[in-house]
Amino acid sequence: MKTTLGKDGLTKTWQEAFEPTVMCSNCYSEALIAFVAHEGLDEDDADAARVYDMHTNKGRRGRGGYWLHDRCAVAVYICQDCFEATAIFNQG
């Protein structure tokens, strides 16, 4: 897994680009991008360990047990008001 700081990481994703700001999950103020952690997007990261291999996905609707099924990218944002982190992820 690699990490890209700030706005340079917004395109390090398996789906659409991450937004530069999001609503804080704690106080609902604006949170700014801090970094994006991403796996498998670069050739030299192709054979690295994967988050989806850490646990089994036994998810059933309404029953919990969900886990990732593919490589992921995680954007971490920091709120300027309450200083809490908010994370958003997507998968390949």
N, C-alpha and C. Protein backbone atom coordinates (compact mmCIF):
# COMPACT_ATOMS: atom_id res chain seq x y z
N MET A 1 0.85 -1.17 0.00
CA MET A 1 0.00 0.00 0.00
C MET A 1 0.89 1.23 0.00
N LYS A 2 0.49 2.19 -0.79
CA LYS A 2 1.23 3.44 -0.88
C LYS A 2 0.35 4.58 -0.39
N THR A 3 0.97 5.71 -0.08
CA THR A 3 0.25 6.89 0.40
C THR A 3 0.67 8.09 -0.44
N THR A 4 -0.32 8.88 -0.84
CA THR A 4 -0.07 10.12 -1.58
C THR A 4 -0.71 11.26 -0.80
N LEU A 5 0.07 12.28 -0.51
CA LEU A 5 -0.37 13.39 0.33
C LEU A 5 -1.22 14.40 -0.43
N GLY A 6 -2.19 14.97 0.28
CA GLY A 6 -2.97 16.10 -0.21
C GLY A 6 -3.70 15.86 -1.51
N LYS A 7 -3.90 16.94 -2.25
CA LYS A 7 -4.67 16.89 -3.50
C LYS A 7 -4.05 16.00 -4.56
N ASP A 8 -2.75 15.73 -4.47
CA ASP A 8 -2.11 14.83 -5.44
C ASP A 8 -2.69 13.42 -5.36
N GLY A 9 -3.29 13.08 -4.22
CA GLY A 9 -3.84 11.74 -4.04
C GLY A 9 -5.28 11.58 -4.53
N LEU A 10 -5.94 12.65 -4.88
CA LEU A 10 -7.36 12.59 -5.22
C LEU A 10 -7.66 11.67 -6.41
N THR A 11 -6.71 11.48 -7.30
CA THR A 11 -6.94 10.59 -8.44
C THR A 11 -6.40 9.18 -8.22
N LYS A 12 -5.81 8.93 -7.06
CA LYS A 12 -5.29 7.60 -6.74
C LYS A 12 -6.46 6.76 -6.20
N THR A 13 -7.31 6.33 -7.09
CA THR A 13 -8.57 5.70 -6.72
C THR A 13 -8.94 4.65 -7.75
N TRP A 14 -9.78 3.71 -7.34
CA TRP A 14 -10.26 2.66 -8.24
C TRP A 14 -11.56 3.07 -8.91
N GLN A 15 -12.14 4.18 -8.53
CA GLN A 15 -13.39 4.65 -9.12
C GLN A 15 -13.21 6.13 -9.46
N GLU A 16 -14.24 6.93 -9.31
CA GLU A 16 -14.11 8.36 -9.59
C GLU A 16 -13.18 9.01 -8.59
N ALA A 17 -12.60 10.13 -8.99
CA ALA A 17 -11.67 10.85 -8.12
C ALA A 17 -12.35 11.25 -6.80
N PHE A 18 -11.56 11.25 -5.74
CA PHE A 18 -12.06 11.72 -4.45
C PHE A 18 -12.21 13.24 -4.51
N GLU A 19 -13.10 13.76 -3.67
CA GLU A 19 -13.31 15.21 -3.57
C GLU A 19 -12.23 15.83 -2.68
N PRO A 20 -11.88 17.10 -2.90
CA PRO A 20 -10.87 17.75 -2.06
C PRO A 20 -11.37 18.06 -0.65
N THR A 21 -12.69 18.17 -0.47
CA THR A 21 -13.29 18.38 0.85
C THR A 21 -14.53 17.49 0.97
N VAL A 22 -14.84 17.11 2.20
CA VAL A 22 -16.08 16.36 2.50
C VAL A 22 -16.66 16.89 3.79
N MET A 23 -17.87 16.46 4.11
CA MET A 23 -18.49 16.82 5.38
C MET A 23 -17.89 15.95 6.48
N CYS A 24 -17.48 16.56 7.55
CA CYS A 24 -16.93 15.84 8.70
C CYS A 24 -17.98 14.88 9.26
N SER A 25 -17.58 13.65 9.51
CA SER A 25 -18.51 12.66 10.05
C SER A 25 -18.81 12.88 11.53
N ASN A 26 -18.08 13.78 12.17
CA ASN A 26 -18.28 14.05 13.59
C ASN A 26 -19.13 15.29 13.83
N CYS A 27 -18.73 16.44 13.25
CA CYS A 27 -19.42 17.70 13.54
C CYS A 27 -20.10 18.32 12.32
N TYR A 28 -19.95 17.68 11.16
CA TYR A 28 -20.60 18.09 9.92
C TYR A 28 -20.05 19.39 9.33
N SER A 29 -18.89 19.83 9.79
CA SER A 29 -18.21 20.96 9.18
C SER A 29 -17.42 20.45 7.97
N GLU A 30 -16.65 21.30 7.38
CA GLU A 30 -15.84 20.92 6.21
C GLU A 30 -14.53 20.26 6.66
N ALA A 31 -14.24 19.11 6.05
CA ALA A 31 -12.97 18.41 6.31
C ALA A 31 -12.14 18.44 5.04
N LEU A 32 -10.84 18.68 5.19
CA LEU A 32 -9.93 18.82 4.06
C LEU A 32 -9.12 17.54 3.85
N ILE A 33 -8.80 17.25 2.59
CA ILE A 33 -8.01 16.05 2.28
C ILE A 33 -6.65 16.12 2.97
N ALA A 34 -6.26 15.02 3.58
CA ALA A 34 -4.93 14.91 4.20
C ALA A 34 -4.06 13.99 3.35
N PHE A 35 -4.57 12.76 3.07
CA PHE A 35 -3.82 11.82 2.24
C PHE A 35 -4.75 10.74 1.70
N VAL A 36 -4.27 10.01 0.70
CA VAL A 36 -4.97 8.86 0.16
C VAL A 36 -4.02 7.67 0.24
N ALA A 37 -4.48 6.60 0.87
CA ALA A 37 -3.75 5.34 0.90
C ALA A 37 -4.35 4.46 -0.19
N HIS A 38 -3.50 3.90 -1.04
CA HIS A 38 -4.00 3.15 -2.20
C HIS A 38 -3.16 1.91 -2.41
N GLU A 39 -3.80 0.84 -2.86
CA GLU A 39 -3.09 -0.40 -3.10
C GLU A 39 -3.32 -0.90 -4.52
N GLY A 40 -2.22 -1.38 -5.11
CA GLY A 40 -2.30 -2.03 -6.41
C GLY A 40 -2.42 -1.13 -7.62
N LEU A 41 -2.37 0.17 -7.45
CA LEU A 41 -2.49 1.08 -8.59
C LEU A 41 -1.18 1.20 -9.36
N ASP A 42 -0.07 0.95 -8.71
CA ASP A 42 1.23 1.08 -9.34
C ASP A 42 1.84 -0.30 -9.59
N GLU A 43 2.57 -0.44 -10.67
CA GLU A 43 3.14 -1.74 -11.04
C GLU A 43 4.01 -2.34 -9.93
N ASP A 44 4.79 -1.51 -9.26
CA ASP A 44 5.67 -2.03 -8.20
C ASP A 44 4.91 -2.40 -6.92
N ASP A 45 3.61 -2.13 -6.89
CA ASP A 45 2.76 -2.49 -5.75
C ASP A 45 1.84 -3.66 -6.10
N ALA A 46 2.01 -4.23 -7.26
CA ALA A 46 1.09 -5.25 -7.78
C ALA A 46 1.05 -6.51 -6.92
N ASP A 47 2.15 -6.89 -6.31
CA ASP A 47 2.21 -8.14 -5.55
C ASP A 47 2.21 -7.95 -4.04
N ALA A 48 1.94 -6.74 -3.57
CA ALA A 48 1.94 -6.45 -2.13
C ALA A 48 0.73 -7.08 -1.45
N ALA A 49 0.79 -7.22 -0.15
CA ALA A 49 -0.34 -7.73 0.63
C ALA A 49 -1.55 -6.82 0.43
N ARG A 50 -2.73 -7.39 0.55
CA ARG A 50 -3.98 -6.65 0.31
C ARG A 50 -4.86 -6.61 1.56
N VAL A 51 -5.57 -5.51 1.73
CA VAL A 51 -6.50 -5.37 2.84
C VAL A 51 -7.60 -6.42 2.72
N TYR A 52 -8.09 -6.71 1.52
CA TYR A 52 -9.19 -7.65 1.37
C TYR A 52 -8.84 -9.07 1.78
N ASP A 53 -7.55 -9.38 1.88
CA ASP A 53 -7.13 -10.71 2.35
C ASP A 53 -7.09 -10.82 3.88
N MET A 54 -7.29 -9.73 4.60
CA MET A 54 -7.17 -9.72 6.05
C MET A 54 -8.33 -10.43 6.76
N HIS A 55 -9.53 -10.35 6.19
CA HIS A 55 -10.72 -10.94 6.81
C HIS A 55 -11.60 -11.53 5.71
N THR A 56 -12.48 -12.44 6.10
CA THR A 56 -13.40 -13.05 5.15
C THR A 56 -14.66 -12.21 5.02
N ASN A 57 -15.11 -12.02 3.79
CA ASN A 57 -16.36 -11.31 3.54
C ASN A 57 -17.50 -12.32 3.62
N LYS A 58 -18.23 -12.26 4.72
CA LYS A 58 -19.38 -13.16 4.93
C LYS A 58 -20.68 -12.36 4.91
N GLY A 59 -20.63 -11.18 4.33
CA GLY A 59 -21.74 -10.26 4.39
C GLY A 59 -23.04 -10.79 3.82
N ARG A 60 -24.11 -10.52 4.58
CA ARG A 60 -25.47 -10.80 4.13
C ARG A 60 -26.31 -9.59 4.49
N ARG A 61 -27.15 -9.19 3.59
CA ARG A 61 -27.96 -7.99 3.78
C ARG A 61 -28.66 -8.01 5.14
N GLY A 62 -28.43 -6.96 5.92
CA GLY A 62 -29.05 -6.84 7.23
C GLY A 62 -28.42 -7.69 8.32
N ARG A 63 -27.35 -8.42 8.00
CA ARG A 63 -26.74 -9.31 8.98
C ARG A 63 -25.30 -8.94 9.32
N GLY A 64 -24.75 -7.96 8.66
CA GLY A 64 -23.36 -7.58 8.90
C GLY A 64 -22.38 -8.58 8.29
N GLY A 65 -21.15 -8.58 8.78
CA GLY A 65 -20.13 -9.50 8.29
C GLY A 65 -19.44 -9.06 7.02
N TYR A 66 -19.63 -7.81 6.62
CA TYR A 66 -19.05 -7.34 5.36
C TYR A 66 -17.57 -7.04 5.48
N TRP A 67 -16.85 -7.29 4.42
CA TRP A 67 -15.45 -6.91 4.29
C TRP A 67 -15.17 -6.65 2.82
N LEU A 68 -14.05 -6.01 2.54
CA LEU A 68 -13.69 -5.68 1.17
C LEU A 68 -13.56 -6.94 0.31
N HIS A 69 -13.85 -6.80 -0.98
CA HIS A 69 -13.72 -7.91 -1.91
C HIS A 69 -12.65 -7.68 -2.97
N ASP A 70 -12.00 -6.51 -2.93
CA ASP A 70 -11.02 -6.16 -3.96
C ASP A 70 -10.05 -5.12 -3.41
N ARG A 71 -9.08 -4.75 -4.21
CA ARG A 71 -8.12 -3.70 -3.82
C ARG A 71 -8.87 -2.42 -3.50
N CYS A 72 -8.29 -1.61 -2.62
CA CYS A 72 -9.00 -0.41 -2.18
C CYS A 72 -8.12 0.84 -2.23
N ALA A 73 -8.80 1.96 -2.15
CA ALA A 73 -8.18 3.27 -1.96
C ALA A 73 -8.97 3.95 -0.84
N VAL A 74 -8.26 4.61 0.08
CA VAL A 74 -8.91 5.25 1.23
C VAL A 74 -8.44 6.69 1.32
N ALA A 75 -9.39 7.62 1.23
CA ALA A 75 -9.08 9.04 1.39
C ALA A 75 -9.36 9.43 2.84
N VAL A 76 -8.39 10.08 3.47
CA VAL A 76 -8.54 10.51 4.86
C VAL A 76 -8.55 12.04 4.89
N TYR A 77 -9.57 12.57 5.53
CA TYR A 77 -9.79 14.00 5.63
C TYR A 77 -9.70 14.42 7.10
N ILE A 78 -9.26 15.65 7.35
CA ILE A 78 -9.17 16.19 8.71
C ILE A 78 -10.07 17.43 8.79
N CYS A 79 -10.89 17.47 9.84
CA CYS A 79 -11.80 18.60 10.05
C CYS A 79 -11.03 19.76 10.69
N GLN A 80 -11.26 20.95 10.17
CA GLN A 80 -10.60 22.13 10.72
C GLN A 80 -11.27 22.63 12.00
N ASP A 81 -12.51 22.18 12.26
CA ASP A 81 -13.23 22.64 13.45
C ASP A 81 -13.03 21.72 14.65
N CYS A 82 -13.29 20.42 14.48
CA CYS A 82 -13.19 19.51 15.62
C CYS A 82 -11.93 18.65 15.59
N PHE A 83 -11.17 18.72 14.50
CA PHE A 83 -9.89 18.04 14.36
C PHE A 83 -10.02 16.51 14.35
N GLU A 84 -11.20 15.99 13.95
CA GLU A 84 -11.43 14.55 13.80
C GLU A 84 -11.18 14.15 12.35
N ALA A 85 -10.89 12.88 12.15
CA ALA A 85 -10.67 12.34 10.82
C ALA A 85 -11.96 11.73 10.27
N THR A 86 -12.16 11.89 8.97
CA THR A 86 -13.23 11.25 8.23
C THR A 86 -12.58 10.49 7.10
N ALA A 87 -12.99 9.24 6.86
CA ALA A 87 -12.40 8.43 5.81
C ALA A 87 -13.48 7.97 4.84
N ILE A 88 -13.11 7.93 3.56
CA ILE A 88 -13.97 7.41 2.50
C ILE A 88 -13.15 6.43 1.70
N PHE A 89 -13.73 5.27 1.35
CA PHE A 89 -12.97 4.29 0.58
C PHE A 89 -13.75 3.84 -0.63
N ASN A 90 -13.03 3.25 -1.58
CA ASN A 90 -13.66 2.57 -2.69
C ASN A 90 -12.80 1.37 -3.06
N GLN A 91 -13.36 0.52 -3.93
CA GLN A 91 -12.70 -0.72 -4.31
C GLN A 91 -12.60 -0.82 -5.82
N GLY A 92 -11.69 -1.68 -6.27
CA GLY A 92 -11.53 -1.93 -7.70
C GLY A 92 -12.69 -2.72 -8.25
